[in-house]
PDB file of N, CA and C in Angstrom:
ATOM      1  N   MET A   1       7.012  17.086   4.019  1.00  0.00           N
ATOM      2  CA  MET A   1       6.491  15.820   4.405  1.00  0.00           C
ATOM      3  C   MET A   1       7.216  15.103   5.357  1.00  0.00           C
ATOM      4  N   GLU A   2       8.754  14.811   5.031  1.00  0.00           N
ATOM      5  CA  GLU A   2       9.297  13.976   6.634  1.00  0.00           C
ATOM      6  C   GLU A   2       9.420  14.808   7.599  1.00  0.00           C
ATOM      7  N   ALA A   3       9.544  16.047   7.533  1.00  0.00           N
ATOM      8  CA  ALA A   3       9.937  17.045   8.907  1.00  0.00           C
ATOM      9  C   ALA A   3       8.615  16.962   9.902  1.00  0.00           C
ATOM     10  N   ALA A   4       7.099  16.809   8.825  1.00  0.00           N
ATOM     11  CA  ALA A   4       5.930  16.560   9.454  1.00  0.00           C
ATOM     12  C   ALA A   4       6.038  15.515  10.173  1.00  0.00           C
ATOM     13  N   ALA A   5       6.746  14.289   9.615  1.00  0.00           N
ATOM     14  CA  ALA A   5       6.220  12.922  10.414  1.00  0.00           C
ATOM     15  C   ALA A   5       7.311  12.483  11.453  1.00  0.00           C
ATOM     16  N   ALA A   6       8.406  13.534  11.258  1.00  0.00           N
ATOM     17  CA  ALA A   6       9.551  13.410  12.491  1.00  0.00           C
ATOM     18  C   ALA A   6       8.623  14.068  13.490  1.00  0.00           C
ATOM     19  N   ALA A   7       8.152  15.368  13.135  1.00  0.00           N
ATOM     20  CA  ALA A   7       7.912  15.930  14.875  1.00  0.00           C
ATOM     21  C   ALA A   7       6.897  15.124  15.503  1.00  0.00           C
ATOM     22  N   ALA A   8       5.529  14.441  13.894  1.00  0.00           N
ATOM     23  CA  ALA A   8       4.748  13.989  14.405  1.00  0.00           C
ATOM     24  C   ALA A   8       5.007  12.244  14.928  1.00  0.00           C
ATOM     25  N   GLY A   9       6.581  12.094  15.210  1.00  0.00           N
ATOM     26  CA  GLY A   9       6.752  10.805  15.082  1.00  0.00           C
ATOM     27  C   GLY A   9       6.362   9.525  14.876  1.00  0.00           C
ATOM     28  N   VAL A  10       6.212   9.845  13.475  1.00  0.00           N
ATOM     29  CA  VAL A  10       5.415   8.269  12.025  1.00  0.00           C
ATOM     30  C   VAL A  10       6.558   8.400  11.754  1.00  0.00           C
ATOM     31  N   GLN A  11       7.442   7.207  11.378  1.00  0.00           N
ATOM     32  CA  GLN A  11       8.187   6.634  10.522  1.00  0.00           C
ATOM     33  C   GLN A  11       7.397   6.260   9.552  1.00  0.00           C
ATOM     34  N   LEU A  12       8.345   7.091   7.701  1.00  0.00           N
ATOM     35  CA  LEU A  12       7.364   6.990   7.032  1.00  0.00           C
ATOM     36  C   LEU A  12       7.973   5.642   6.132  1.00  0.00           C
ATOM     37  N   GLY A  13       6.822   5.345   5.452  1.00  0.00           N
ATOM     38  CA  GLY A  13       7.093   3.824   4.486  1.00  0.00           C
ATOM     39  C   GLY A  13       5.917   2.890   4.947  1.00  0.00           C
ATOM     40  N   THR A  14       6.750   1.598   4.466  1.00  0.00           N
ATOM     41  CA  THR A  14       5.220   0.609   4.788  1.00  0.00           C
ATOM     42  C   THR A  14       6.110  -0.520   6.059  1.00  0.00           C
ATOM     43  N   SER A  15       5.374  -1.539   6.378  1.00  0.00           N
ATOM     44  CA  SER A  15       6.044  -2.535   7.065  1.00  0.00           C
ATOM     45  C   SER A  15       6.383  -3.375   6.800  1.00  0.00           C
ATOM     46  N   LYS A  16       5.505  -3.379   5.306  1.00  0.00           N
ATOM     47  CA  LYS A  16       5.850  -4.961   4.631  1.00  0.00           C
ATOM     48  C   LYS A  16       7.182  -4.718   3.548  1.00  0.00           C
ATOM     49  N   PRO A  17       7.627  -6.084   3.884  1.00  0.00           N
ATOM     50  CA  PRO A  17       9.075  -6.309   2.875  1.00  0.00           C
ATOM     51  C   PRO A  17       9.177  -6.545   1.599  1.00  0.00           C
ATOM     52  N   GLN A  18      10.102  -5.616   0.967  1.00  0.00           N
ATOM     53  CA  GLN A  18       9.969  -5.502  -0.629  1.00  0.00           C
ATOM     54  C   GLN A  18      10.129  -7.306  -0.748  1.00  0.00           C
ATOM     55  N   ILE A  19       9.287  -8.148  -1.657  1.00  0.00           N
ATOM     56  CA  ILE A  19      10.179  -9.391  -1.200  1.00  0.00           C
ATOM     57  C   ILE A  19      10.749  -9.775  -2.808  1.00  0.00           C
ATOM     58  N   ALA A  20       9.767  -9.674  -3.999  1.00  0.00           N
ATOM     59  CA  ALA A  20      10.593  -9.335  -5.105  1.00  0.00           C
ATOM     60  C   ALA A  20      12.108  -8.207  -5.582  1.00  0.00           C
ATOM     61  N   THR A  21      12.451  -9.365  -5.818  1.00  0.00           N
ATOM     62  CA  THR A  21      13.996  -8.135  -6.357  1.00  0.00           C
ATOM     63  C   THR A  21      14.076  -7.294  -7.605  1.00  0.00           C
ATOM     64  N   GLN A  22      14.576  -6.346  -8.197  1.00  0.00           N
ATOM     65  CA  GLN A  22      14.764  -5.388  -9.054  1.00  0.00           C
ATOM     66  C   GLN A  22      15.102  -6.297  -9.882  1.00  0.00           C
ATOM     67  N   ALA A  23      15.478  -7.706 -10.291  1.00  0.00           N
ATOM     68  CA  ALA A  23      15.873  -8.179 -11.200  1.00  0.00           C
ATOM     69  C   ALA A  23      14.965  -8.930 -11.797  1.00  0.00           C
ATOM     70  N   GLU A  24      13.751  -9.885 -10.707  1.00  0.00           N
ATOM     71  CA  GLU A  24      12.582 -10.332 -10.478  1.00  0.00           C
ATOM     72  C   GLU A  24      11.775  -9.435 -11.553  1.00  0.00           C
ATOM     73  N   MET A  25      11.886  -8.453 -10.869  1.00  0.00           N
ATOM     74  CA  MET A  25      10.584  -6.992 -12.050  1.00  0.00           C
ATOM     75  C   MET A  25      11.445  -6.910 -12.981  1.00  0.00           C
ATOM     76  N   ALA A  26      12.643  -7.043 -13.206  1.00  0.00           N
ATOM     77  CA  ALA A  26      12.235  -6.288 -14.419  1.00  0.00           C
ATOM     78  C   ALA A  26      12.205  -8.098 -15.822  1.00  0.00           C
ATOM     79  N   GLU A  27      12.991  -9.216 -15.046  1.00  0.00           N
ATOM     80  CA  GLU A  27      12.856  -9.999 -15.894  1.00  0.00           C
ATOM     81  C   GLU A  27      11.143 -10.107 -16.692  1.00  0.00           C
ATOM     82  N   ALA A  28      10.152 -10.205 -15.509  1.00  0.00           N
ATOM     83  CA  ALA A  28       8.766  -9.876 -16.000  1.00  0.00           C
ATOM     84  C   ALA A  28       8.266  -8.539 -15.995  1.00  0.00           C
ATOM     85  N   ARG A  29       8.922  -8.029 -16.500  1.00  0.00           N
ATOM     86  CA  ARG A  29       8.592  -6.249 -17.435  1.00  0.00           C
ATOM     87  C   ARG A  29       7.383  -5.512 -16.473  1.00  0.00           C
ATOM     88  N   VAL A  30       7.871  -6.303 -15.445  1.00  0.00           N
ATOM     89  CA  VAL A  30       6.541  -5.153 -14.430  1.00  0.00           C
ATOM     90  C   VAL A  30       6.889  -3.577 -14.876  1.00  0.00           C
ATOM     91  N   PRO A  31       5.797  -2.672 -14.837  1.00  0.00           N
ATOM     92  CA  PRO A  31       6.412  -1.628 -14.780  1.00  0.00           C
ATOM     93  C   PRO A  31       7.094  -0.726 -13.677  1.00  0.00           C
ATOM     94  N   LEU A  32       7.564  -0.035 -13.699  1.00  0.00           N
ATOM     95  CA  LEU A  32       7.816   1.237 -12.597  1.00  0.00           C
ATOM     96  C   LEU A  32       7.252   1.819 -11.826  1.00  0.00           C
ATOM     97  N   ALA A  33       5.620   1.787 -12.169  1.00  0.00           N
ATOM     98  CA  ALA A  33       4.862   2.135 -11.046  1.00  0.00           C
ATOM     99  C   ALA A  33       4.184   1.540 -10.577  1.00  0.00           C
ATOM    100  N   TYR A  34       4.399  -0.147 -10.835  1.00  0.00           N
ATOM    101  CA  TYR A  34       4.329  -1.337 -10.147  1.00  0.00           C
ATOM    102  C   TYR A  34       4.798  -1.732  -9.460  1.00  0.00           C
ATOM    103  N   ARG A  35       6.043  -1.414  -9.133  1.00  0.00           N
ATOM    104  CA  ARG A  35       7.136  -2.119  -8.523  1.00  0.00           C
ATOM    105  C   ARG A  35       7.397  -1.713  -6.884  1.00  0.00           C
ATOM    106  N   ASP A  36       6.292  -2.461  -6.469  1.00  0.00           N
ATOM    107  CA  ASP A  36       5.789  -1.714  -4.790  1.00  0.00           C
ATOM    108  C   ASP A  36       6.186  -2.628  -4.051  1.00  0.00           C
ATOM    109  N   GLN A  37       5.817  -3.207  -2.572  1.00  0.00           N
ATOM    110  CA  GLN A  37       5.524  -4.294  -1.471  1.00  0.00           C
ATOM    111  C   GLN A  37       4.769  -5.990  -2.228  1.00  0.00           C
ATOM    112  N   CYS A  38       3.968  -5.068  -3.585  1.00  0.00           N
ATOM    113  CA  CYS A  38       2.906  -5.873  -3.927  1.00  0.00           C
ATOM    114  C   CYS A  38       3.485  -6.633  -5.249  1.00  0.00           C
ATOM    115  N   ALA A  39       4.945  -6.124  -5.502  1.00  0.00           N
ATOM    116  CA  ALA A  39       5.057  -6.630  -7.449  1.00  0.00           C
ATOM    117  C   ALA A  39       4.984  -8.327  -7.033  1.00  0.00           C
ATOM    118  N   HIS A  40       5.455  -9.333  -5.755  1.00  0.00           N
ATOM    119  CA  HIS A  40       5.829 -10.468  -6.199  1.00  0.00           C
ATOM    120  C   HIS A  40       4.269 -11.606  -6.040  1.00  0.00           C
ATOM    121  N   LEU A  41       3.588 -10.113  -5.724  1.00  0.00           N
ATOM    122  CA  LEU A  41       1.819 -10.839  -6.092  1.00  0.00           C
ATOM    123  C   LEU A  41       1.732 -10.279  -7.401  1.00  0.00           C
ATOM    124  N   LEU A  42       2.195  -9.373  -8.091  1.00  0.00           N
ATOM    125  CA  LEU A  42       1.420  -8.858  -9.627  1.00  0.00           C
ATOM    126  C   LEU A  42       2.437  -9.428 -10.485  1.00  0.00           C
ATOM    127  N   ILE A  43       3.565 -10.368 -10.253  1.00  0.00           N
ATOM    128  CA  ILE A  43       4.454 -11.188 -11.656  1.00  0.00           C
ATOM    129  C   ILE A  43       3.601 -12.266 -11.559  1.00  0.00           C
ATOM    130  N   PRO A  44       2.966 -13.264 -10.566  1.00  0.00           N
ATOM    131  CA  PRO A  44       2.228 -14.628 -10.960  1.00  0.00           C
ATOM    132  C   PRO A  44       0.691 -13.949 -11.534  1.00  0.00           C
ATOM    133  N   LEU A  45       0.390 -13.129 -11.198  1.00  0.00           N
ATOM    134  CA  LEU A  45      -1.065 -12.476 -11.897  1.00  0.00           C
ATOM    135  C   LEU A  45      -0.766 -12.067 -12.809  1.00  0.00           C
ATOM    136  N   ASN A  46       0.108 -11.204 -13.238  1.00  0.00           N
ATOM    137  CA  ASN A  46       0.152 -10.933 -15.217  1.00  0.00           C
ATOM    138  C   ASN A  46       0.199 -12.456 -15.652  1.00  0.00           C
ATOM    139  N   LYS A  47       1.424 -13.119 -15.124  1.00  0.00           N
ATOM    140  CA  LYS A  47       1.482 -14.686 -15.971  1.00  0.00           C
ATOM    141  C   LYS A  47       0.624 -15.535 -16.401  1.00  0.00           C
ATOM    142  N   CYS A  48      -0.508 -15.329 -14.995  1.00  0.00           N
ATOM    143  CA  CYS A  48      -2.024 -16.132 -15.320  1.00  0.00           C
ATOM    144  C   CYS A  48      -2.899 -15.403 -16.499  1.00  0.00           C
ATOM    145  N   ARG A  49      -2.423 -14.373 -16.408  1.00  0.00           N
ATOM    146  CA  ARG A  49      -3.258 -13.161 -16.995  1.00  0.00           C
ATOM    147  C   ARG A  49      -3.140 -13.678 -18.939  1.00  0.00           C
ATOM    148  N   VAL A  50      -1.665 -13.705 -19.425  1.00  0.00           N
ATOM    149  CA  VAL A  50      -1.372 -13.926 -20.036  1.00  0.00           C
ATOM    150  C   VAL A  50      -1.515 -15.270 -20.936  1.00  0.00           C
ATOM    151  N   ALA A  51      -2.023 -16.497 -19.775  1.00  0.00           N
ATOM    152  CA  ALA A  51      -1.703 -17.835 -20.009  1.00  0.00           C
ATOM    153  C   ALA A  51      -3.041 -18.066 -20.665  1.00  0.00           C
ATOM    154  N   GLU A  52      -4.154 -17.204 -19.852  1.00  0.00           N
ATOM    155  CA  GLU A  52      -5.431 -17.275 -19.832  1.00  0.00           C
ATOM    156  C   GLU A  52      -6.393 -16.507 -20.478  1.00  0.00           C
ATOM    157  N   PHE A  53      -5.770 -15.496 -21.429  1.00  0.00           N
ATOM    158  CA  PHE A  53      -5.908 -14.592 -22.305  1.00  0.00           C
ATOM    159  C   PHE A  53      -6.970 -13.475 -21.912  1.00  0.00           C
ATOM    160  N   TYR A  54      -6.426 -13.176 -20.241  1.00  0.00           N
ATOM    161  CA  TYR A  54      -6.865 -11.861 -19.107  1.00  0.00           C
ATOM    162  C   TYR A  54      -8.991 -12.245 -19.495  1.00  0.00           C
ATOM    163  N   LEU A  55      -8.914 -13.222 -19.221  1.00  0.00           N
ATOM    164  CA  LEU A  55     -10.493 -13.793 -18.841  1.00  0.00           C
ATOM    165  C   LEU A  55     -10.456 -13.878 -17.560  1.00  0.00           C
ATOM    166  N   PRO A  56     -11.214 -12.514 -17.368  1.00  0.00           N
ATOM    167  CA  PRO A  56     -11.630 -11.683 -15.693  1.00  0.00           C
ATOM    168  C   PRO A  56     -11.668 -13.172 -14.669  1.00  0.00           C
ATOM    169  N   TRP A  57     -12.080 -13.946 -14.814  1.00  0.00           N
ATOM    170  CA  TRP A  57     -12.881 -14.991 -13.897  1.00  0.00           C
ATOM    171  C   TRP A  57     -11.682 -16.070 -13.936  1.00  0.00           C
ATOM    172  N   LYS A  58     -10.666 -16.007 -14.765  1.00  0.00           N
ATOM    173  CA  LYS A  58      -9.482 -17.260 -14.464  1.00  0.00           C
ATOM    174  C   LYS A  58      -8.517 -17.272 -13.589  1.00  0.00           C
ATOM    175  N   CYS A  59      -8.667 -15.866 -13.141  1.00  0.00           N
ATOM    176  CA  CYS A  59      -7.211 -15.762 -12.311  1.00  0.00           C
ATOM    177  C   CYS A  59      -7.531 -14.615 -11.221  1.00  0.00           C
ATOM    178  N   GLU A  60      -8.936 -15.558 -10.391  1.00  0.00           N
ATOM    179  CA  GLU A  60      -9.224 -14.942  -9.341  1.00  0.00           C
ATOM    180  C   GLU A  60      -7.930 -14.760  -7.690  1.00  0.00           C
ATOM    181  N   PRO A  61      -7.953 -15.430  -7.788  1.00  0.00           N
ATOM    182  CA  PRO A  61      -6.999 -15.544  -6.646  1.00  0.00           C
ATOM    183  C   PRO A  61      -5.809 -15.094  -6.388  1.00  0.00           C
ATOM    184  N   GLU A  62      -5.157 -15.289  -7.861  1.00  0.00           N
ATOM    185  CA  GLU A  62      -4.450 -13.974  -7.685  1.00  0.00           C
ATOM    186  C   GLU A  62      -4.661 -12.815  -7.976  1.00  0.00           C
ATOM    187  N   ARG A  63      -5.605 -12.264  -8.329  1.00  0.00           N
ATOM    188  CA  ARG A  63      -5.909 -10.839  -8.245  1.00  0.00           C
ATOM    189  C   ARG A  63      -6.832 -10.734  -7.194  1.00  0.00           C
ATOM    190  N   HIS A  64      -7.311 -11.604  -5.886  1.00  0.00           N
ATOM    191  CA  HIS A  64      -7.791 -11.288  -5.279  1.00  0.00           C
ATOM    192  C   HIS A  64      -6.260 -11.232  -4.348  1.00  0.00           C
ATOM    193  N   ALA A  65      -5.313 -11.563  -3.908  1.00  0.00           N
ATOM    194  CA  ALA A  65      -4.041 -12.026  -3.162  1.00  0.00           C
ATOM    195  C   ALA A  65      -3.325 -10.259  -3.699  1.00  0.00           C
ATOM    196  N   TYR A  66      -3.769 -10.098  -4.857  1.00  0.00           N
ATOM    197  CA  TYR A  66      -2.495  -8.712  -5.238  1.00  0.00           C
ATOM    198  C   TYR A  66      -3.481  -7.549  -5.364  1.00  0.00           C
ATOM    199  N   GLU A  67      -5.058  -7.803  -5.135  1.00  0.00           N
ATOM    200  CA  GLU A  67      -5.774  -6.645  -4.784  1.00  0.00           C
ATOM    201  C   GLU A  67      -5.615  -5.869  -3.171  1.00  0.00           C
ATOM    202  N   LYS A  68      -5.808  -7.195  -2.650  1.00  0.00           N
ATOM    203  CA  LYS A  68      -5.776  -7.134  -1.087  1.00  0.00           C
ATOM    204  C   LYS A  68      -4.303  -6.490  -0.672  1.00  0.00           C
ATOM    205  N   CYS A  69      -3.346  -6.678  -0.738  1.00  0.00           N
ATOM    206  CA  CYS A  69      -1.736  -6.441  -0.934  1.00  0.00           C
ATOM    207  C   CYS A  69      -1.226  -5.100  -0.677  1.00  0.00           C
ATOM    208  N   GLN A  70      -2.252  -3.983  -1.949  1.00  0.00           N
ATOM    209  CA  GLN A  70      -2.770  -3.084  -2.396  1.00  0.00           C
ATOM    210  C   GLN A  70      -3.341  -2.111  -1.353  1.00  0.00           C
ATOM    211  N   TYR A  71      -4.797  -2.687  -1.208  1.00  0.00           N
ATOM    212  CA  TYR A  71      -5.503  -2.198   0.219  1.00  0.00           C
ATOM    213  C   TYR A  71      -4.797  -1.935   1.285  1.00  0.00           C
ATOM    214  N   GLU A  72      -3.656  -2.643   1.636  1.00  0.00           N
ATOM    215  CA  GLU A  72      -3.262  -2.891   2.841  1.00  0.00           C
ATOM    216  C   GLU A  72      -2.379  -1.777   3.034  1.00  0.00           C
ATOM    217  N   LEU A  73      -1.467  -1.681   1.137  1.00  0.00           N
ATOM    218  CA  LEU A  73      -0.581  -0.465   1.724  1.00  0.00           C
ATOM    219  C   LEU A  73      -1.286   0.609   1.546  1.00  0.00           C
ATOM    220  N   VAL A  74      -2.550   1.039   0.910  1.00  0.00           N
ATOM    221  CA  VAL A  74      -2.721   2.235   0.952  1.00  0.00           C
ATOM    222  C   VAL A  74      -3.413   2.062   2.738  1.00  0.00           C
ATOM    223  N   MET A  75      -4.119   1.483   3.431  1.00  0.00           N
ATOM    224  CA  MET A  75      -4.450   1.896   4.259  1.00  0.00           C
ATOM    225  C   MET A  75      -3.009   2.450   5.378  1.00  0.00           C
ATOM    226  N   GLU A  76      -2.548   1.451   5.349  1.00  0.00           N
ATOM    227  CA  GLU A  76      -1.180   2.211   5.510  1.00  0.00           C
ATOM    228  C   GLU A  76      -0.851   3.343   5.514  1.00  0.00           C
ATOM    229  N   ARG A  77      -1.089   3.388   4.587  1.00  0.00           N
ATOM    230  CA  ARG A  77      -0.584   5.194   4.428  1.00  0.00           C
ATOM    231  C   ARG A  77      -1.369   6.007   4.708  1.00  0.00           C
ATOM    232  N   MET A  78      -3.145   5.841   4.829  1.00  0.00           N
ATOM    233  CA  MET A  78      -3.640   6.720   5.360  1.00  0.00           C
ATOM    234  C   MET A  78      -3.633   7.030   6.746  1.00  0.00           C
ATOM    235  N   LEU A  79      -3.158   5.652   7.288  1.00  0.00           N
ATOM    236  CA  LEU A  79      -3.189   5.819   8.899  1.00  0.00           C
ATOM    237  C   LEU A  79      -1.970   6.572   9.406  1.00  0.00           C
ATOM    238  N   GLN A  80      -1.079   6.627   8.545  1.00  0.00           N
ATOM    239  CA  GLN A  80       0.157   7.460   8.789  1.00  0.00           C
ATOM    240  C   GLN A  80       0.032   8.654   8.289  1.00  0.00           C
ATOM    241  N   MET A  81      -0.978   9.062   7.661  1.00  0.00           N
ATOM    242  CA  MET A  81      -0.964  10.557   6.957  1.00  0.00           C
ATOM    243  C   MET A  81      -2.237  11.229   8.722  1.00  0.00           C
ATOM    244  N   GLN A  82      -3.037  10.156   9.055  1.00  0.00           N
ATOM    245  CA  GLN A  82      -3.861  10.568   9.813  1.00  0.00           C
ATOM    246  C   GLN A  82      -3.662  10.865  10.959  1.00  0.00           C
ATOM    247  N   LYS A  83      -2.549  10.314  11.716  1.00  0.00           N
ATOM    248  CA  LYS A  83      -1.285  10.790  12.857  1.00  0.00           C
ATOM    249  C   LYS A  83      -0.642  11.503  12.560  1.00  0.00           C
ATOM    250  N   ILE A  84      -0.189  12.135  10.805  1.00  0.00           N
ATOM    251  CA  ILE A  84       0.551  13.191  11.383  1.00  0.00           C
ATOM    252  C   ILE A  84      -0.668  14.411  10.802  1.00  0.00           C
ATOM    253  N   ARG A  85      -1.280  14.877  10.731  1.00  0.00           N
ATOM    254  CA  ARG A  85      -2.388  15.304  10.722  1.00  0.00           C
ATOM    255  C   ARG A  85      -2.826  16.069  12.030  1.00  0.00           C
ATOM    256  N   GLU A  86      -3.248  14.842  13.141  1.00  0.00           N
ATOM    257  CA  GLU A  86      -3.527  15.049  13.972  1.00  0.00           C
ATOM    258  C   GLU A  86      -2.618  15.697  15.208  1.00  0.00           C
ATOM    259  N   ALA A  87      -1.203  15.114  15.003  1.00  0.00           N
ATOM    260  CA  ALA A  87      -0.052  15.273  15.323  1.00  0.00           C
ATOM    261  C   ALA A  87       0.185  17.277  14.900  1.00  0.00           C
ATOM    262  N   GLN A  88      -0.347  17.859  13.504  1.00  0.00           N
ATOM    263  CA  GLN A  88       0.115  19.066  13.457  1.00  0.00           C
ATOM    264  C   GLN A  88      -0.966  19.599  13.614  1.00  0.00           C
ATOM    265  N   GLU A  89      -2.398  19.350  13.772  1.00  0.00           N
ATOM    266  CA  GLU A  89      -3.755  19.840  14.814  1.00  0.00           C
ATOM    267  C   GLU A  89      -3.497  20.154  15.852  1.00  0.00           C
ATOM    268  N   ALA A  90      -2.921  18.923  17.003  1.00  0.00           N
ATOM    269  CA  ALA A  90      -2.632  19.090  17.733  1.00  0.00           C
ATOM    270  C   ALA A  90      -1.645  20.381  18.151  1.00  0.00           C
ATOM    271  N   LYS A  91      -0.671  20.527  17.829  1.00  0.00           N
ATOM    272  CA  LYS A  91       0.227  21.189  18.004  1.00  0.00           C
ATOM    273  C   LYS A  91      -0.153  22.681  17.547  1.00  0.00           C
ATOM    274  N   VAL A  92      -1.088  23.433  16.265  1.00  0.00           N
ATOM    275  CA  VAL A  92      -1.053  24.293  15.836  1.00  0.00           C
ATOM    276  C   VAL A  92      -2.667  25.187  17.121  1.00  0.00           C
ATOM    277  N   LYS A  93      -3.404  24.020  17.204  1.00  0.00           N
ATOM    278  CA  LYS A  93      -4.530  24.474  18.062  1.00  0.00           C
ATOM    279  C   LYS A  93      -4.990  23.516  19.061  1.00  0.00           C
ATOM    280  N   GLY A  94      -4.972  22.206  18.754  1.00  0.00           N
ATOM    281  CA  GLY A  94      -5.286  21.536  19.936  1.00  0.00           C
ATOM    282  C   GLY A  94      -6.708  20.805  20.014  1.00  0.00           C
ATOM    283  N   GLY A  95      -7.493  21.603  18.475  1.00  0.00           N
ATOM    284  CA  GLY A  95      -8.895  20.806  18.011  1.00  0.00           C
ATOM    285  C   GLY A  95      -8.918  19.512  17.813  1.00  0.00           C
ATOM    286  N   ALA A  96     -10.229  19.269  17.985  1.00  0.00           N
ATOM    287  CA  ALA A  96     -10.694  17.976  17.431  1.00  0.00           C
ATOM    288  C   ALA A  96     -10.719  17.086  15.626  1.00  0.00           C
ATOM    289  N   SER A  97     -10.187  16.486  15.182  1.00  0.00           N
ATOM    290  CA  SER A  97      -9.601  16.113  14.174  1.00  0.00           C
ATOM    291  C   SER A  97     -10.855  15.439  13.654  1.00  0.00           C
ATOM    292  N   ILE A  98     -11.638  15.528  11.735  1.00  0.00           N
ATOM    293  CA  ILE A  98     -12.244  14.356  11.725  1.00  0.00           C
ATOM    294  C   ILE A  98     -10.937  13.481  10.981  1.00  0.00           C
ATOM    295  N   GLY A  99     -11.364  11.887  11.341  1.00  0.00           N
ATOM    296  CA  GLY A  99     -10.670  11.295  11.050  1.00  0.00           C
ATOM    297  C   GLY A  99     -10.379  10.221   9.316  1.00  0.00           C
ATOM    298  N   LEU A 100      -9.887  10.027   8.893  1.00  0.00           N
ATOM    299  CA  LEU A 100      -9.327   9.667   7.313  1.00  0.00           C
ATOM    300  C   LEU A 100     -10.103   8.316   7.633  1.00  0.00           C
ATOM    301  N   ILE A 101      -9.575   7.471   8.406  1.00  0.00           N
ATOM    302  CA  ILE A 101     -10.187   6.323   8.692  1.00  0.00           C
ATOM    303  C   ILE A 101     -11.450   5.483   9.523  1.00  0.00           C
ATOM    304  N   PRO A 102     -12.517   5.009   9.086  1.00  0.00           N
ATOM    305  CA  PRO A 102     -13.566   5.390  10.223  1.00  0.00           C
ATOM    306  C   PRO A 102     -13.200   3.983  11.113  1.00  0.00           C
ATOM    307  N   ALA A 103     -13.281   4.308  12.815  1.00  0.00           N
ATOM    308  CA  ALA A 103     -13.509   3.363  14.176  1.00  0.00           C
ATOM    309  C   ALA A 103     -13.863   1.504  13.657  1.00  0.00           C
ATOM    310  N   THR A 104     -14.313   1.735  12.605  1.00  0.00           N
ATOM    311  CA  THR A 104     -14.782   0.427  12.400  1.00  0.00           C
ATOM    312  C   THR A 104     -13.637  -0.440  11.507  1.00  0.00           C
ATOM    313  N   ALA A 105     -13.242   0.221  10.759  1.00  0.00           N
ATOM    314  CA  ALA A 105     -12.344   0.185  10.153  1.00  0.00           C
ATOM    315  C   ALA A 105     -11.348  -1.164  11.021  1.00  0.00           C
ATOM    316  N   LYS A 106     -11.064  -2.427  10.074  1.00  0.00           N
ATOM    317  CA  LYS A 106     -10.111  -3.435  10.914  1.00  0.00           C
ATOM    318  C   LYS A 106      -8.485  -3.060  10.130  1.00  0.00           C
ATOM    319  N   LEU A 107      -7.564  -2.246  11.325  1.00  0.00           N
ATOM    320  CA  LEU A 107      -6.394  -2.460  10.985  1.00  0.00           C
ATOM    321  C   LEU A 107      -5.617  -3.808  11.584  1.00  0.00           C
ATOM    322  N   ALA A 108      -4.650  -4.056  10.549  1.00  0.00           N
ATOM    323  CA  ALA A 108      -3.822  -5.165  11.020  1.00  0.00           C
ATOM    324  C   ALA A 108      -2.959  -5.213  12.024  1.00  0.00           C
TER     325      ALA A 108
END
């Protein structure tokens, strides 16, 4: 994957910085699978969930912020993958490709 990304001129990874430290995530018992660039939003969300007995309507602002961060990460990865695929297809045959992201999507 890295070779294809380098050939396409796409930098892998995300543009979002890692805000929460490993020590903070370990202290908050964030599972390893969730220790990404949105973990700093997951920590207060989980604290709110515990304090409010996991009632879904109690922590809506925290949940919305966390889900928005996750969505932006997914969209960024999809855009990177689309660029890699387009570069590979252009190298192979130069044909038109079907994009993963609709043209109407607003990407930051």
